[in-house]
Protein backbone atom coordinates (compact mmCIF):
# COMPACT_ATOMS: atom_id res chain seq x y z
CA MET A 1 217.32 141.22 46.71
CA LEU A 2 217.72 141.31 42.91
CA PRO A 3 218.28 144.52 40.93
CA ILE A 4 215.23 145.56 38.80
CA ILE A 5 216.23 146.50 35.21
CA HIS A 6 214.72 149.63 33.58
CA GLU A 7 213.51 150.67 30.17
CA PRO A 8 215.35 150.78 27.62
CA ASN A 9 217.15 147.63 28.57
CA LYS A 10 216.73 145.20 25.54
CA ILE A 11 215.78 142.28 27.87
CA LEU A 12 212.47 144.00 28.62
CA ARG A 13 211.67 143.90 24.88
CA ALA A 14 212.48 140.23 24.29
CA LYS A 15 210.02 137.39 24.27
CA SER A 16 210.62 135.04 27.25
CA ARG A 17 211.19 131.28 26.84
CA ASN A 18 209.35 128.44 28.48
CA LEU A 19 211.06 126.39 31.19
CA ALA A 20 211.64 122.81 30.78
CA MET A 21 209.56 120.83 33.41
CA LYS A 22 212.72 119.34 34.95
CA ASP A 23 214.12 122.75 35.49
CA ILE A 24 211.26 124.11 37.62
CA THR A 25 212.34 122.44 40.77
CA ALA A 26 216.11 122.91 40.10
CA SER A 27 217.95 124.90 42.68
CA LYS A 28 218.81 127.63 40.16
CA ILE A 29 215.08 128.37 39.52
CA GLN A 30 214.22 127.99 43.15
CA THR A 31 216.89 130.50 44.09
CA LEU A 32 215.57 132.85 41.38
CA LEU A 33 212.05 132.58 42.73
CA ASN A 34 213.18 133.26 46.21
CA GLY A 35 215.06 136.33 45.02
CA MET A 36 212.08 137.56 43.08
CA LYS A 37 209.95 137.15 46.15
CA GLU A 38 212.44 138.97 48.29
CA THR A 39 212.77 141.75 45.74
CA LEU A 40 208.99 142.34 45.48
CA LYS A 41 208.74 142.19 49.22
CA ASN A 42 211.20 145.10 49.54
CA THR A 43 209.58 147.13 46.77
CA PRO A 44 206.59 148.89 48.42
CA ASP A 45 204.91 150.01 45.21
CA GLY A 46 205.13 146.62 43.35
CA VAL A 47 202.42 143.86 43.50
CA GLY A 48 203.93 141.80 40.66
CA LEU A 49 207.23 140.99 39.16
CA ALA A 50 208.22 139.14 35.92
CA ALA A 51 211.60 137.35 35.41
CA PRO A 52 212.53 139.76 32.52
CA GLN A 53 212.42 142.63 35.03
CA ILE A 54 215.33 141.03 36.91
CA GLY A 55 217.19 140.14 33.70
CA GLU A 56 215.99 136.62 32.94
CA ASN A 57 213.93 135.98 29.83
CA LEU A 58 211.95 133.09 31.37
CA ARG A 59 208.23 132.66 31.37
CA ILE A 60 207.91 133.27 35.10
CA PHE A 61 206.14 135.97 37.13
CA ILE A 62 204.86 136.30 40.67
CA VAL A 63 201.94 138.34 42.03
CA SER A 64 201.60 139.32 45.68
CA GLU A 65 198.38 138.34 47.60
CA GLU A 66 198.35 142.14 48.21
CA ALA A 67 196.63 142.43 44.78
CA GLU A 68 193.70 140.41 46.16
CA GLU A 69 193.62 142.77 49.21
CA ILE A 70 193.42 145.73 47.02
CA ASP A 71 190.41 144.19 45.23
CA ARG A 72 188.72 143.51 48.66
CA ALA A 73 189.47 147.01 49.87
CA THR A 74 188.20 148.59 46.57
CA LYS A 75 184.90 146.82 47.10
CA LYS A 76 184.77 148.37 50.53
CA GLY A 77 185.49 151.82 49.20
CA TYR A 78 189.08 152.09 50.25
CA THR A 79 192.17 152.61 48.11
CA ARG A 80 195.65 151.16 48.72
CA ARG A 81 197.08 154.14 50.49
CA HIS A 82 194.06 155.93 51.92
CA THR A 83 191.44 155.49 54.61
CA VAL A 84 188.02 156.93 54.61
CA SER A 85 186.77 158.74 57.58
CA ALA A 86 183.27 160.09 57.95
CA GLU A 87 184.60 163.60 56.92
CA LYS A 88 187.39 163.16 54.48
CA ILE A 89 189.86 160.76 52.88
CA GLU A 90 193.17 160.66 54.78
CA GLU A 91 196.44 159.61 53.44
CA ARG A 92 198.15 157.00 55.47
CA PRO A 93 201.72 155.61 55.26
CA TYR A 94 202.25 152.34 53.36
CA GLU A 95 201.69 149.42 55.64
CA LYS A 96 204.44 146.83 55.12
CA ARG A 97 203.01 143.42 55.68
CA GLU A 98 204.21 139.98 55.01
CA TRP A 99 202.52 138.84 51.81
CA ASN A 100 202.42 135.50 50.15
CA TYR A 101 203.18 135.19 46.45
CA TYR A 102 201.55 133.38 43.66
CA VAL A 103 203.98 131.88 41.28
CA PHE A 104 203.08 131.43 37.52
CA ILE A 105 205.59 129.40 35.39
CA ASN A 106 204.87 128.92 31.63
CA PRO A 107 201.48 130.54 31.88
CA VAL A 108 198.98 130.18 29.10
CA VAL A 109 195.85 132.15 28.83
CA GLN A 110 192.82 129.90 28.66
CA LYS A 111 190.04 132.54 28.62
CA THR A 112 189.42 136.29 28.82
CA SER A 113 186.23 138.10 29.35
CA ARG A 114 184.84 140.31 26.63
CA ARG A 115 184.26 143.08 29.18
CA MET A 116 187.21 145.43 29.64
CA ARG A 117 188.04 147.79 32.41
CA LYS A 118 190.36 150.78 32.69
CA GLY A 119 192.79 151.07 35.55
CA ALA A 120 195.85 153.05 36.58
CA GLU A 121 199.16 151.36 36.16
CA GLY A 122 202.85 151.91 36.76
CA CYS A 123 205.80 149.63 36.45
CA LEU A 124 208.91 148.93 38.48
CA SER A 125 210.92 148.77 35.28
CA VAL A 126 209.51 152.17 34.08
CA PRO A 127 209.87 154.33 37.21
CA GLY A 128 208.11 157.64 37.43
CA LYS A 129 205.58 156.97 34.57
CA PHE A 130 201.99 156.16 35.13
CA GLY A 131 199.10 155.77 32.88
CA VAL A 132 195.64 154.21 32.36
CA THR A 133 195.43 150.88 30.62
CA ARG A 134 192.36 149.04 29.26
CA ARG A 135 192.48 145.32 30.10
CA HIS A 136 190.15 142.35 30.38
CA GLU A 137 188.00 142.42 33.53
CA LYS A 138 188.58 138.67 33.93
CA ILE A 139 191.22 136.18 32.92
CA THR A 140 191.86 132.42 33.31
CA LEU A 141 195.32 130.97 33.09
CA GLU A 142 196.93 127.59 33.18
CA ALA A 143 200.33 127.59 34.72
CA TYR A 144 202.78 125.75 36.92
CA ASP A 145 203.67 126.61 40.57
CA GLU A 146 207.10 126.53 42.07
CA HIS A 147 206.77 122.79 42.76
CA GLY A 148 206.02 121.94 39.16
CA LYS A 149 202.36 121.39 39.83
CA LYS A 150 200.02 122.46 37.08
CA PHE A 151 197.06 124.60 38.14
CA ILE A 152 194.23 126.85 36.57
CA ARG A 153 193.61 130.20 38.14
CA GLY A 154 190.95 132.69 37.50
CA ALA A 155 191.39 136.39 38.25
CA SER A 156 189.22 139.42 38.09
CA ASN A 157 189.43 143.22 38.45
CA PHE A 158 192.76 144.48 39.80
CA PHE A 159 194.31 140.94 40.31
CA ALA A 160 193.43 140.33 36.56
CA GLN A 161 195.04 143.63 35.64
CA VAL A 162 198.27 142.69 37.38
CA VAL A 163 198.35 139.25 35.79
CA GLN A 164 197.87 140.72 32.30
CA HIS A 165 200.59 143.40 33.07
CA GLU A 166 203.07 140.56 33.98
CA LEU A 167 201.99 138.40 31.02
CA ASP A 168 202.93 141.43 28.79
CA HIS A 169 206.34 141.43 30.24
CA LEU A 170 206.81 137.80 29.03
CA GLU A 171 206.11 139.04 25.50
CA GLY A 172 208.38 141.95 25.71
CA ILE A 173 205.54 144.41 25.96
CA LEU A 174 205.55 147.26 28.57
CA PHE A 175 202.56 149.06 29.89
CA ILE A 176 203.64 152.29 28.28
CA ASP A 177 203.05 150.59 24.95
CA LYS A 178 199.26 150.40 25.83
CA ALA A 179 198.62 153.16 28.32
CA GLU A 180 197.19 156.57 28.04
CA LEU A 181 200.10 158.17 29.90
CA GLY A 182 199.94 160.81 32.57
CA THR A 183 202.45 162.61 34.50
């Protein structure tokens, strides 16, 4: 597991650099990706992690497939930590599951929707702060996976929000720069 750095660390405010194609499959980057996955796996409140958050100013981030599950659950009227019974909403403990992770290396935004949506956000690098951000409802990116294969991926709703949050990390932007902060 890798240590997550916190605001006000300067690395979080720096723009990240692209990886050379030859470096994507190098053992150093593969080890970094495995460490990022293990870190996110062991951080129950996280669904995404960008390389700057673990001290590497590289244009890499990962998103847990849990973000897609949250979108599916939201459509059914559930939230991440609650179940709905006929009478009331009941809090339930976090269910630790084995999730797969989507890897985005050298991501480039291809398209965003005009329609925006507001959503609650927090950040592993800004513990204890939460707010509401306004982000594009849909986004399409081009990126490379951990094998150096180029792909195009569309995202919507919560998954799109997570992707945009992680993209901001690569630009040295934190959600607190955009959010209406709560307590």
